[in-house]
Amino acid sequence: MVKRCVVFISILFLATFLLSGGQATYKAKLGQATKAKLKVFISVDMEGIAGIVSADQTSPDGKDYGLTRRWMTEETNAAIQGALDAGATEIVVNDSHGGMKNLIAGEINPAAYLITGTPKPLSMMQGVDEAFDAVIFIGYHAQAGSKDATLDHTYSGSSIYSLKINGVEMGEYGFNAAIAGYYGVPVVLVAGDEEVCRQAKKLLGENLETAPVKAGIGRFAAKTLVPAKAQELIRQKAKAALEKRSQMKPFKVSSPVKFDIDFLYSYQADGSEAIPGVKRTGPRSVSFVQDDFIQGFKLFRALVSLARPD
């Protein structure tokens, strides 16, 4: 009898609590406990940053590098803030330009983790895996040989003329999207010049969000948004892209994967031809096939390193 009374009183207390407004509190706490994760990966290059139009601006030896790396850092922070606005619960940023020590660590929004330095096994995509929900590219540029594209190149301006994956020519935006796709993660936003935005949409689909921060006028000039305006655009686009991420599919390449590389000079193909499995296909070109895309990517990176001028 006593036990029944205790149970009855407990039920009565809970009912009173819920009816008196505790129900809202209970639901709020439950909602917080079950909040869906949103893990975002951000790869940041430099040539596509607003205001940058020349190689000396992207090199530590350049007199303006201290300024331009700050612009790069600020565009990164804009993307981070946009991701936070969209509800991101974890953000990882990978410095993806040159020696990959350009972003100013002390000025990055502390809500994000920073991956910096080189070499890294996945290079511009180091850190991405199947745990992520979306990928964002900031400061990206068009593939080598593009018209009216600021500082266009593909991975190495000193060695690569073109790169094809399964017969489709693409730049870093495509190659890196394929790495994300290998892990089942979609690219949702590309920020850079107008030409890389156009190329990325063509390859990755019209649902891709883009943030064109400048329009190339030849290779070494551009009509550009000022940095503050570019950062505002990137923040807005990052939020919008993440909110509609369900509309975007991972970019996957079918296996086996064929890689066709056209170098700038014949001697670069000479060295690559010495690697087992790499076939000479022309005076400056080689090809190889891999069943696993990531293993193919790593072989490509090794050939790029081998091809760099002394």
C-alpha atoms as a PDB file:
ATOM      1  CA  MET A   1       0.000   0.000   0.000  1.00  0.00           C
ATOM      2  CA  VAL A   2       2.837   2.383   0.904  1.00  0.00           C
ATOM      3  CA  LYS A   3       4.648   1.624  -2.362  1.00  0.00           C
ATOM      4  CA  ARG A   4       1.514   2.356  -4.384  1.00  0.00           C
ATOM      5  CA  CYS A   5       1.147   5.701  -2.637  1.00  0.00           C
ATOM      6  CA  VAL A   6       4.749   6.640  -3.438  1.00  0.00           C
ATOM      7  CA  VAL A   7       4.279   5.762  -7.122  1.00  0.00           C
ATOM      8  CA  PHE A   8       1.027   7.740  -7.243  1.00  0.00           C
ATOM      9  CA  ILE A   9       2.650  10.807  -5.655  1.00  0.00           C
ATOM     10  CA  SER A  10       5.597  10.583  -8.097  1.00  0.00           C
ATOM     11  CA  ILE A  11       3.271  10.477 -11.087  1.00  0.00           C
ATOM     12  CA  LEU A  12       1.237  13.380  -9.699  1.00  0.00           C
ATOM     13  CA  PHE A  13       4.414  15.435  -9.178  1.00  0.00           C
ATOM     14  CA  LEU A  14       5.637  14.774 -12.749  1.00  0.00           C
ATOM     15  CA  ALA A  15       2.253  15.716 -14.209  1.00  0.00           C
ATOM     16  CA  THR A  16       2.188  18.950 -12.200  1.00  0.00           C
ATOM     17  CA  PHE A  17       5.751  19.745 -13.321  1.00  0.00           C
ATOM     18  CA  LEU A  18       4.937  19.269 -16.995  1.00  0.00           C
ATOM     19  CA  LEU A  19       1.681  21.222 -16.854  1.00  0.00           C
ATOM     20  CA  SER A  20       3.343  24.112 -15.038  1.00  0.00           C
ATOM     21  CA  GLY A  21       5.842  24.807 -17.836  1.00  0.00           C
ATOM     22  CA  GLY A  22       8.350  22.101 -17.076  1.00  0.00           C
ATOM     23  CA  GLN A  23       7.314  20.389 -20.299  1.00  0.00           C
ATOM     24  CA  ALA A  24       8.956  23.131 -22.368  1.00  0.00           C
ATOM     25  CA  THR A  25      12.123  22.920 -20.277  1.00  0.00           C
ATOM     26  CA  TYR A  26      12.187  19.153 -20.618  1.00  0.00           C
ATOM     27  CA  LYS A  27      11.758  19.318 -24.405  1.00  0.00           C
ATOM     28  CA  ALA A  28      14.463  21.981 -24.716  1.00  0.00           C
ATOM     29  CA  LYS A  29      16.945  19.868 -22.797  1.00  0.00           C
ATOM     30  CA  LEU A  30      15.992  16.794 -24.799  1.00  0.00           C
ATOM     31  CA  GLY A  31      16.472  18.777 -28.017  1.00  0.00           C
ATOM     32  CA  GLN A  32      19.930  19.864 -26.923  1.00  0.00           C
ATOM     33  CA  ALA A  33      20.864  16.297 -26.057  1.00  0.00           C
ATOM     34  CA  THR A  34      19.761  15.009 -29.462  1.00  0.00           C
ATOM     35  CA  LYS A  35      21.091  17.921 -31.546  1.00  0.00           C
ATOM     36  CA  ALA A  36      22.320  16.574 -34.859  1.00  0.00           C
ATOM     37  CA  LYS A  37      26.022  16.956 -35.490  1.00  0.00           C
ATOM     38  CA  LEU A  38      27.267  18.974 -38.438  1.00  0.00           C
ATOM     39  CA  LYS A  39      30.937  18.359 -39.126  1.00  0.00           C
ATOM     40  CA  VAL A  40      32.471  20.639 -41.761  1.00  0.00           C
ATOM     41  CA  PHE A  41      35.832  20.432 -43.558  1.00  0.00           C
ATOM     42  CA  ILE A  42      37.293  23.608 -45.108  1.00  0.00           C
ATOM     43  CA  SER A  43      40.212  23.476 -47.573  1.00  0.00           C
ATOM     44  CA  VAL A  44      41.819  26.881 -48.151  1.00  0.00           C
ATOM     45  CA  ASP A  45      43.986  27.784 -51.135  1.00  0.00           C
ATOM     46  CA  MET A  46      45.312  31.280 -51.839  1.00  0.00           C
ATOM     47  CA  GLU A  47      45.194  32.230 -55.532  1.00  0.00           C
ATOM     48  CA  GLY A  48      41.411  32.608 -55.421  1.00  0.00           C
ATOM     49  CA  ILE A  49      41.342  35.001 -52.463  1.00  0.00           C
ATOM     50  CA  ALA A  50      39.856  38.448 -53.206  1.00  0.00           C
ATOM     51  CA  GLY A  51      42.472  41.070 -54.062  1.00  0.00           C
ATOM     52  CA  ILE A  52      45.181  38.580 -55.075  1.00  0.00           C
ATOM     53  CA  VAL A  53      46.319  38.775 -58.722  1.00  0.00           C
ATOM     54  CA  SER A  54      50.057  37.983 -58.839  1.00  0.00           C
ATOM     55  CA  ALA A  55      52.388  35.186 -57.793  1.00  0.00           C
ATOM     56  CA  ASP A  56      54.478  37.396 -55.498  1.00  0.00           C
ATOM     57  CA  GLN A  57      51.355  37.994 -53.376  1.00  0.00           C
ATOM     58  CA  THR A  58      51.114  34.243 -52.710  1.00  0.00           C
ATOM     59  CA  SER A  59      54.757  33.623 -51.834  1.00  0.00           C
ATOM     60  CA  PRO A  60      56.446  34.163 -48.450  1.00  0.00           C
ATOM     61  CA  ASP A  61      59.153  36.043 -50.358  1.00  0.00           C
ATOM     62  CA  GLY A  62      56.676  38.587 -51.739  1.00  0.00           C
ATOM     63  CA  LYS A  63      56.561  42.027 -50.169  1.00  0.00           C
ATOM     64  CA  ASP A  64      52.751  41.929 -49.831  1.00  0.00           C
ATOM     65  CA  TYR A  65      52.567  38.372 -48.460  1.00  0.00           C
ATOM     66  CA  GLY A  66      51.996  39.515 -44.873  1.00  0.00           C
ATOM     67  CA  LEU A  67      48.902  41.382 -46.031  1.00  0.00           C
ATOM     68  CA  THR A  68      47.528  38.744 -48.378  1.00  0.00           C
ATOM     69  CA  ARG A  69      47.877  35.899 -45.887  1.00  0.00           C
ATOM     70  CA  ARG A  70      45.732  38.029 -43.562  1.00  0.00           C
ATOM     71  CA  TRP A  71      43.087  38.296 -46.300  1.00  0.00           C
ATOM     72  CA  MET A  72      43.292  34.514 -46.644  1.00  0.00           C
ATOM     73  CA  THR A  73      42.817  34.116 -42.908  1.00  0.00           C
ATOM     74  CA  GLU A  74      39.858  36.511 -42.884  1.00  0.00           C
ATOM     75  CA  GLU A  75      38.089  34.675 -45.726  1.00  0.00           C
ATOM     76  CA  THR A  76      38.643  31.446 -43.789  1.00  0.00           C
ATOM     77  CA  ASN A  77      37.076  32.996 -40.706  1.00  0.00           C
ATOM     78  CA  ALA A  78      34.125  34.128 -42.801  1.00  0.00           C
ATOM     79  CA  ALA A  79      33.565  30.530 -43.910  1.00  0.00           C
ATOM     80  CA  ILE A  80      33.910  29.319 -40.324  1.00  0.00           C
ATOM     81  CA  GLN A  81      31.348  31.844 -39.137  1.00  0.00           C
ATOM     82  CA  GLY A  82      28.965  30.875 -41.919  1.00  0.00           C
ATOM     83  CA  ALA A  83      29.310  27.248 -40.882  1.00  0.00           C
ATOM     84  CA  LEU A  84      28.598  28.174 -37.254  1.00  0.00           C
ATOM     85  CA  ASP A  85      25.556  30.174 -38.389  1.00  0.00           C
ATOM     86  CA  ALA A  86      24.311  26.981 -40.069  1.00  0.00           C
ATOM     87  CA  GLY A  87      24.734  24.989 -36.858  1.00  0.00           C
ATOM     88  CA  ALA A  88      28.170  23.407 -37.342  1.00  0.00           C
ATOM     89  CA  THR A  89      29.274  21.439 -34.305  1.00  0.00           C
ATOM     90  CA  GLU A  90      32.835  20.723 -35.490  1.00  0.00           C
ATOM     91  CA  ILE A  91      34.972  22.490 -38.092  1.00  0.00           C
ATOM     92  CA  VAL A  92      38.376  21.453 -39.429  1.00  0.00           C
ATOM     93  CA  VAL A  93      40.402  23.854 -41.606  1.00  0.00           C
ATOM     94  CA  ASN A  94      43.274  22.635 -43.786  1.00  0.00           C
ATOM     95  CA  ASP A  95      45.833  25.159 -45.057  1.00  0.00           C
ATOM     96  CA  SER A  96      46.186  24.047 -48.692  1.00  0.00           C
ATOM     97  CA  HIS A  97      48.503  26.525 -50.383  1.00  0.00           C
ATOM     98  CA  GLY A  98      52.204  26.104 -51.184  1.00  0.00           C
ATOM     99  CA  GLY A  99      54.092  25.148 -48.031  1.00  0.00           C
ATOM    100  CA  MET A 100      50.737  25.094 -46.247  1.00  0.00           C
ATOM    101  CA  LYS A 101      51.822  27.427 -43.461  1.00  0.00           C
ATOM    102  CA  ASN A 102      50.006  30.552 -44.646  1.00  0.00           C
ATOM    103  CA  LEU A 103      46.986  30.881 -42.360  1.00  0.00           C
ATOM    104  CA  ILE A 104      47.722  32.901 -39.229  1.00  0.00           C
ATOM    105  CA  ALA A 105      46.962  30.373 -36.494  1.00  0.00           C
ATOM    106  CA  GLY A 106      46.533  32.993 -33.785  1.00  0.00           C
ATOM    107  CA  GLU A 107      43.842  34.769 -35.796  1.00  0.00           C
ATOM    108  CA  ILE A 108      41.749  31.740 -36.828  1.00  0.00           C
ATOM    109  CA  ASN A 109      38.359  31.507 -35.112  1.00  0.00           C
ATOM    110  CA  PRO A 110      39.007  29.176 -32.148  1.00  0.00           C
ATOM    111  CA  ALA A 111      35.788  27.316 -32.926  1.00  0.00           C
ATOM    112  CA  ALA A 112      37.792  25.492 -35.638  1.00  0.00           C
ATOM    113  CA  TYR A 113      40.744  23.121 -35.668  1.00  0.00           C
ATOM    114  CA  LEU A 114      43.643  24.011 -37.995  1.00  0.00           C
ATOM    115  CA  ILE A 115      45.781  21.572 -40.004  1.00  0.00           C
ATOM    116  CA  THR A 116      48.986  23.233 -41.167  1.00  0.00           C
ATOM    117  CA  GLY A 117      52.345  22.283 -42.694  1.00  0.00           C
ATOM    118  CA  THR A 118      53.509  19.883 -45.395  1.00  0.00           C
ATOM    119  CA  PRO A 119      53.976  17.163 -46.610  1.00  0.00           C
ATOM    120  CA  LYS A 120      50.623  15.576 -45.744  1.00  0.00           C
ATOM    121  CA  PRO A 121      49.334  12.267 -47.179  1.00  0.00           C
ATOM    122  CA  LEU A 122      46.166  13.854 -48.583  1.00  0.00           C
ATOM    123  CA  SER A 123      47.768  17.255 -49.228  1.00  0.00           C
ATOM    124  CA  MET A 124      45.000  19.846 -49.729  1.00  0.00           C
ATOM    125  CA  MET A 125      42.420  17.434 -48.296  1.00  0.00           C
ATOM    126  CA  GLN A 126      44.343  16.188 -45.270  1.00  0.00           C
ATOM    127  CA  GLY A 127      41.961  15.409 -42.426  1.00  0.00           C
ATOM    128  CA  VAL A 128      38.812  14.652 -44.433  1.00  0.00           C
ATOM    129  CA  ASP A 129      37.104  11.320 -43.813  1.00  0.00           C
ATOM    130  CA  GLU A 130      33.655   9.718 -43.733  1.00  0.00           C
ATOM    131  CA  ALA A 131      32.765  11.441 -40.445  1.00  0.00           C
ATOM    132  CA  PHE A 132      32.288  14.808 -42.208  1.00  0.00           C
ATOM    133  CA  ASP A 133      28.962  16.064 -43.528  1.00  0.00           C
ATOM    134  CA  ALA A 134      30.179  18.705 -45.990  1.00  0.00           C
ATOM    135  CA  VAL A 135      33.279  20.228 -47.592  1.00  0.00           C
ATOM    136  CA  ILE A 136      33.931  23.892 -48.435  1.00  0.00           C
ATOM    137  CA  PHE A 137      36.669  25.205 -50.766  1.00  0.00           C
ATOM    138  CA  ILE A 138      37.947  28.744 -50.137  1.00  0.00           C
ATOM    139  CA  GLY A 139      40.466  30.656 -52.292  1.00  0.00           C
ATOM    140  CA  TYR A 140      40.335  28.139 -55.142  1.00  0.00           C
ATOM    141  CA  HIS A 141      41.400  28.854 -58.722  1.00  0.00           C
ATOM    142  CA  ALA A 142      40.669  27.550 -62.234  1.00  0.00           C
ATOM    143  CA  GLN A 143      42.535  24.685 -63.887  1.00  0.00           C
ATOM    144  CA  ALA A 144      45.679  25.243 -65.964  1.00  0.00           C
ATOM    145  CA  GLY A 145      45.055  26.780 -69.383  1.00  0.00           C
ATOM    146  CA  SER A 146      41.876  28.660 -68.451  1.00  0.00           C
ATOM    147  CA  LYS A 147      41.064  32.002 -70.050  1.00  0.00           C
ATOM    148  CA  ASP A 148      40.478  35.060 -67.850  1.00  0.00           C
ATOM    149  CA  ALA A 149      41.295  33.099 -64.720  1.00  0.00           C
ATOM    150  CA  THR A 150      43.495  34.499 -61.986  1.00  0.00           C
ATOM    151  CA  LEU A 151      46.748  32.528 -61.526  1.00  0.00           C
ATOM    152  CA  ASP A 152      45.273  29.395 -63.140  1.00  0.00           C
ATOM    153  CA  HIS A 153      47.222  26.145 -62.670  1.00  0.00           C
ATOM    154  CA  THR A 154      46.680  22.520 -61.690  1.00  0.00           C
ATOM    155  CA  TYR A 155      48.559  21.440 -58.556  1.00  0.00           C
ATOM    156  CA  SER A 156      51.939  22.562 -59.877  1.00  0.00           C
ATOM    157  CA  GLY A 157      52.412  25.536 -62.168  1.00  0.00           C
ATOM    158  CA  SER A 158      55.980  24.398 -62.853  1.00  0.00           C
ATOM    159  CA  SER A 159      55.140  20.904 -64.056  1.00  0.00           C
ATOM    160  CA  ILE A 160      51.473  20.131 -64.915  1.00  0.00           C
ATOM    161  CA  TYR A 161      49.847  21.261 -68.158  1.00  0.00           C
ATOM    162  CA  SER A 162      46.682  19.197 -67.712  1.00  0.00           C
ATOM    163  CA  LEU A 163      45.205  16.383 -65.640  1.00  0.00           C
ATOM    164  CA  LYS A 164      42.415  14.021 -66.671  1.00  0.00           C
ATOM    165  CA  ILE A 165      40.562  11.553 -64.482  1.00  0.00           C
ATOM    166  CA  ASN A 166      38.739   8.867 -66.457  1.00  0.00           C
ATOM    167  CA  GLY A 167      39.030  11.089 -69.507  1.00  0.00           C
ATOM    168  CA  VAL A 168      37.655  14.243 -67.872  1.00  0.00           C
ATOM    169  CA  GLU A 169      40.006  17.207 -67.509  1.00  0.00           C
ATOM    170  CA  MET A 170      39.760  18.924 -64.141  1.00  0.00           C
ATOM    171  CA  GLY A 171      41.624  21.184 -61.761  1.00  0.00           C
ATOM    172  CA  GLU A 172      42.231  20.981 -58.055  1.00  0.00           C
ATOM    173  CA  TYR A 173      38.555  21.662 -57.359  1.00  0.00           C
ATOM    174  CA  GLY A 174      37.643  18.392 -59.120  1.00  0.00           C
ATOM    175  CA  PHE A 175      40.505  16.244 -57.870  1.00  0.00           C
ATOM    176  CA  ASN A 176      39.882  17.343 -54.288  1.00  0.00           C
ATOM    177  CA  ALA A 177      36.116  16.904 -54.650  1.00  0.00           C
ATOM    178  CA  ALA A 178      36.820  13.325 -55.747  1.00  0.00           C
ATOM    179  CA  ILE A 179      38.849  12.745 -52.568  1.00  0.00           C
ATOM    180  CA  ALA A 180      35.899  14.011 -50.511  1.00  0.00           C
ATOM    181  CA  GLY A 181      33.583  11.833 -52.621  1.00  0.00           C
ATOM    182  CA  TYR A 182      35.754   8.790 -51.917  1.00  0.00           C
ATOM    183  CA  TYR A 183      34.685   9.199 -48.282  1.00  0.00           C
ATOM    184  CA  GLY A 184      31.076   9.943 -49.225  1.00  0.00           C
ATOM    185  CA  VAL A 185      31.232  13.678 -48.445  1.00  0.00           C
ATOM    186  CA  PRO A 186      29.840  16.346 -50.821  1.00  0.00           C
ATOM    187  CA  VAL A 187      31.459  19.661 -51.691  1.00  0.00           C
ATOM    188  CA  VAL A 188      28.801  22.299 -51.010  1.00  0.00           C
ATOM    189  CA  LEU A 189      30.623  25.596 -51.676  1.00  0.00           C
ATOM    190  CA  VAL A 190      33.475  26.808 -53.880  1.00  0.00           C
ATOM    191  CA  ALA A 191      34.815  30.357 -53.401  1.00  0.00           C
ATOM    192  CA  GLY A 192      37.313  31.889 -55.805  1.00  0.00           C
ATOM    193  CA  ASP A 193      37.313  33.656 -59.153  1.00  0.00           C
ATOM    194  CA  GLU A 194      34.380  33.476 -61.553  1.00  0.00           C
ATOM    195  CA  GLU A 195      36.046  30.902 -63.806  1.00  0.00           C
ATOM    196  CA  VAL A 196      36.688  28.331 -61.069  1.00  0.00           C
ATOM    197  CA  CYS A 197      33.085  28.785 -59.927  1.00  0.00           C
ATOM    198  CA  ARG A 198      31.881  28.100 -63.464  1.00  0.00           C
ATOM    199  CA  GLN A 199      34.150  25.057 -63.889  1.00  0.00           C
ATOM    200  CA  ALA A 200      33.170  23.620 -60.507  1.00  0.00           C
ATOM    201  CA  LYS A 201      29.443  23.962 -61.208  1.00  0.00           C
ATOM    202  CA  LYS A 202      29.883  22.229 -64.560  1.00  0.00           C
ATOM    203  CA  LEU A 203      31.657  19.276 -62.930  1.00  0.00           C
ATOM    204  CA  LEU A 204      29.923  19.036 -59.552  1.00  0.00           C
ATOM    205  CA  GLY A 205      26.391  20.133 -60.459  1.00  0.00           C
ATOM    206  CA  GLU A 206      24.202  23.199 -60.517  1.00  0.00           C
ATOM    207  CA  ASN A 207      23.165  22.759 -56.869  1.00  0.00           C
ATOM    208  CA  LEU A 208      26.714  23.678 -55.844  1.00  0.00           C
ATOM    209  CA  GLU A 209      26.887  27.063 -54.115  1.00  0.00           C
ATOM    210  CA  THR A 210      29.624  29.392 -55.329  1.00  0.00           C
ATOM    211  CA  ALA A 211      31.081  32.644 -54.046  1.00  0.00           C
ATOM    212  CA  PRO A 212      32.766  34.472 -56.953  1.00  0.00           C
ATOM    213  CA  VAL A 213      34.947  37.083 -55.262  1.00  0.00           C
ATOM    214  CA  LYS A 214      36.666  38.363 -58.413  1.00  0.00           C
ATOM    215  CA  ALA A 215      36.578  38.191 -62.215  1.00  0.00           C
ATOM    216  CA  GLY A 216      39.850  37.535 -64.005  1.00  0.00           C
ATOM    217  CA  ILE A 217      41.148  39.963 -66.601  1.00  0.00           C
ATOM    218  CA  GLY A 218      43.766  37.743 -68.151  1.00  0.00           C
ATOM    219  CA  ARG A 219      46.001  35.824 -65.733  1.00  0.00           C
ATOM    220  CA  PHE A 220      47.498  38.639 -63.671  1.00  0.00           C
ATOM    221  CA  ALA A 221      44.626  41.101 -63.231  1.00  0.00           C
ATOM    222  CA  ALA A 222      41.069  40.996 -61.935  1.00  0.00           C
ATOM    223  CA  LYS A 223      38.032  43.010 -61.076  1.00  0.00           C
ATOM    224  CA  THR A 224      37.752  42.075 -57.415  1.00  0.00           C
ATOM    225  CA  LEU A 225      35.489  42.573 -54.450  1.00  0.00           C
ATOM    226  CA  VAL A 226      37.293  44.344 -51.632  1.00  0.00           C
ATOM    227  CA  PRO A 227      38.191  41.883 -48.851  1.00  0.00           C
ATOM    228  CA  ALA A 228      35.409  42.951 -46.462  1.00  0.00           C
ATOM    229  CA  LYS A 229      32.756  42.487 -49.155  1.00  0.00           C
ATOM    230  CA  ALA A 230      34.197  39.112 -50.180  1.00  0.00           C
ATOM    231  CA  GLN A 231      34.146  37.938 -46.576  1.00  0.00           C
ATOM    232  CA  GLU A 232      30.510  38.965 -46.182  1.00  0.00           C
ATOM    233  CA  LEU A 233      29.606  37.013 -49.341  1.00  0.00           C
ATOM    234  CA  ILE A 234      31.484  33.911 -48.194  1.00  0.00           C
ATOM    235  CA  ARG A 235      29.792  33.919 -44.790  1.00  0.00           C
ATOM    236  CA  GLN A 236      26.349  34.137 -46.410  1.00  0.00           C
ATOM    237  CA  LYS A 237      27.131  31.482 -49.016  1.00  0.00           C
ATOM    238  CA  ALA A 238      28.641  29.066 -46.478  1.00  0.00           C
ATOM    239  CA  LYS A 239      25.499  29.216 -44.355  1.00  0.00           C
ATOM    240  CA  ALA A 240      23.231  28.787 -47.384  1.00  0.00           C
ATOM    241  CA  ALA A 241      25.296  25.912 -48.791  1.00  0.00           C
ATOM    242  CA  LEU A 242      25.284  23.961 -45.534  1.00  0.00           C
ATOM    243  CA  GLU A 243      21.567  24.482 -45.030  1.00  0.00           C
ATOM    244  CA  LYS A 244      20.871  22.854 -48.406  1.00  0.00           C
ATOM    245  CA  ARG A 245      23.620  20.222 -48.231  1.00  0.00           C
ATOM    246  CA  SER A 246      21.086  17.405 -48.628  1.00  0.00           C
ATOM    247  CA  GLN A 247      20.626  18.534 -52.253  1.00  0.00           C
ATOM    248  CA  MET A 248      24.284  17.918 -53.075  1.00  0.00           C
ATOM    249  CA  LYS A 249      25.757  14.502 -53.788  1.00  0.00           C
ATOM    250  CA  PRO A 250      29.343  13.357 -53.265  1.00  0.00           C
ATOM    251  CA  PHE A 251      31.460  13.472 -56.428  1.00  0.00           C
ATOM    252  CA  LYS A 252      32.571   9.893 -57.020  1.00  0.00           C
ATOM    253  CA  VAL A 253      34.761   8.555 -59.817  1.00  0.00           C
ATOM    254  CA  SER A 254      34.276   5.010 -61.008  1.00  0.00           C
ATOM    255  CA  SER A 255      36.968   2.340 -60.577  1.00  0.00           C
ATOM    256  CA  PRO A 256      39.349   1.389 -61.985  1.00  0.00           C
ATOM    257  CA  VAL A 257      40.532   4.987 -62.258  1.00  0.00           C
ATOM    258  CA  LYS A 258      42.649   6.167 -65.174  1.00  0.00           C
ATOM    259  CA  PHE A 259      44.941   9.156 -64.627  1.00  0.00           C
ATOM    260  CA  ASP A 260      46.307  11.031 -67.654  1.00  0.00           C
ATOM    261  CA  ILE A 261      48.995  13.623 -66.955  1.00  0.00           C
ATOM    262  CA  ASP A 262      50.333  16.086 -69.509  1.00  0.00           C
ATOM    263  CA  PHE A 263      53.520  17.715 -68.231  1.00  0.00           C
ATOM    264  CA  LEU A 264      55.034  21.002 -69.333  1.00  0.00           C
ATOM    265  CA  TYR A 265      58.317  19.445 -70.491  1.00  0.00           C
ATOM    266  CA  SER A 266      59.361  16.105 -71.950  1.00  0.00           C
ATOM    267  CA  TYR A 267      62.048  15.477 -69.310  1.00  0.00           C
ATOM    268  CA  GLN A 268      59.290  15.408 -66.655  1.00  0.00           C
ATOM    269  CA  ALA A 269      57.651  12.503 -68.487  1.00  0.00           C
ATOM    270  CA  ASP A 270      61.076  10.852 -68.758  1.00  0.00           C
ATOM    271  CA  GLY A 271      61.350  10.635 -64.973  1.00  0.00           C
ATOM    272  CA  SER A 272      57.747   9.527 -64.471  1.00  0.00           C
ATOM    273  CA  GLU A 273      58.102   6.736 -67.025  1.00  0.00           C
ATOM    274  CA  ALA A 274      60.640   5.071 -64.725  1.00  0.00           C
ATOM    275  CA  ILE A 275      57.945   4.372 -62.113  1.00  0.00           C
ATOM    276  CA  PRO A 276      56.419   0.851 -62.384  1.00  0.00           C
ATOM    277  CA  GLY A 277      52.869   0.986 -63.737  1.00  0.00           C
ATOM    278  CA  VAL A 278      53.296   4.418 -65.360  1.00  0.00           C
ATOM    279  CA  LYS A 279      53.101   4.343 -69.175  1.00  0.00           C
ATOM    280  CA  ARG A 280      54.451   6.908 -71.622  1.00  0.00           C
ATOM    281  CA  THR A 281      51.627   8.140 -73.875  1.00  0.00           C
ATOM    282  CA  GLY A 282      53.321  11.069 -75.630  1.00  0.00           C
ATOM    283  CA  PRO A 283      56.390  13.320 -75.595  1.00  0.00           C
ATOM    284  CA  ARG A 284      55.166  15.126 -72.436  1.00  0.00           C
ATOM    285  CA  SER A 285      52.462  12.759 -71.192  1.00  0.00           C
ATOM    286  CA  VAL A 286      52.024   9.625 -69.096  1.00  0.00           C
ATOM    287  CA  SER A 287      49.112   7.599 -67.767  1.00  0.00           C
ATOM    288  CA  PHE A 288      48.430   4.989 -65.121  1.00  0.00           C
ATOM    289  CA  VAL A 289      45.468   3.064 -63.736  1.00  0.00           C
ATOM    290  CA  GLN A 290      44.623   2.359 -60.095  1.00  0.00           C
ATOM    291  CA  ASP A 291      41.717   0.432 -58.586  1.00  0.00           C
ATOM    292  CA  ASP A 292      41.710   2.672 -55.503  1.00  0.00           C
ATOM    293  CA  PHE A 293      41.345   6.419 -56.071  1.00  0.00           C
ATOM    294  CA  ILE A 294      43.337   7.448 -52.993  1.00  0.00           C
ATOM    295  CA  GLN A 295      46.259   5.237 -53.998  1.00  0.00           C
ATOM    296  CA  GLY A 296      46.085   6.822 -57.448  1.00  0.00           C
ATOM    297  CA  PHE A 297      46.098  10.280 -55.898  1.00  0.00           C
ATOM    298  CA  LYS A 298      49.201   9.442 -53.874  1.00  0.00           C
ATOM    299  CA  LEU A 299      50.986   8.180 -56.991  1.00  0.00           C
ATOM    300  CA  PHE A 300      50.009  11.387 -58.805  1.00  0.00           C
ATOM    301  CA  ARG A 301      51.453  13.462 -55.974  1.00  0.00           C
ATOM    302  CA  ALA A 302      54.691  11.466 -56.136  1.00  0.00           C
ATOM    303  CA  LEU A 303      54.958  12.108 -59.890  1.00  0.00           C
ATOM    304  CA  VAL A 304      54.361  15.833 -59.355  1.00  0.00           C
ATOM    305  CA  SER A 305      57.179  15.915 -56.782  1.00  0.00           C
ATOM    306  CA  LEU A 306      59.465  14.007 -59.148  1.00  0.00           C
ATOM    307  CA  ALA A 307      58.676  16.407 -62.004  1.00  0.00           C
ATOM    308  CA  ARG A 308      59.502  19.631 -60.168  1.00  0.00           C
ATOM    309  CA  PRO A 309      62.511  21.453 -61.645  1.00  0.00           C
ATOM    310  CA  ASP A 310      65.682  21.324 -59.548  1.00  0.00           C
END
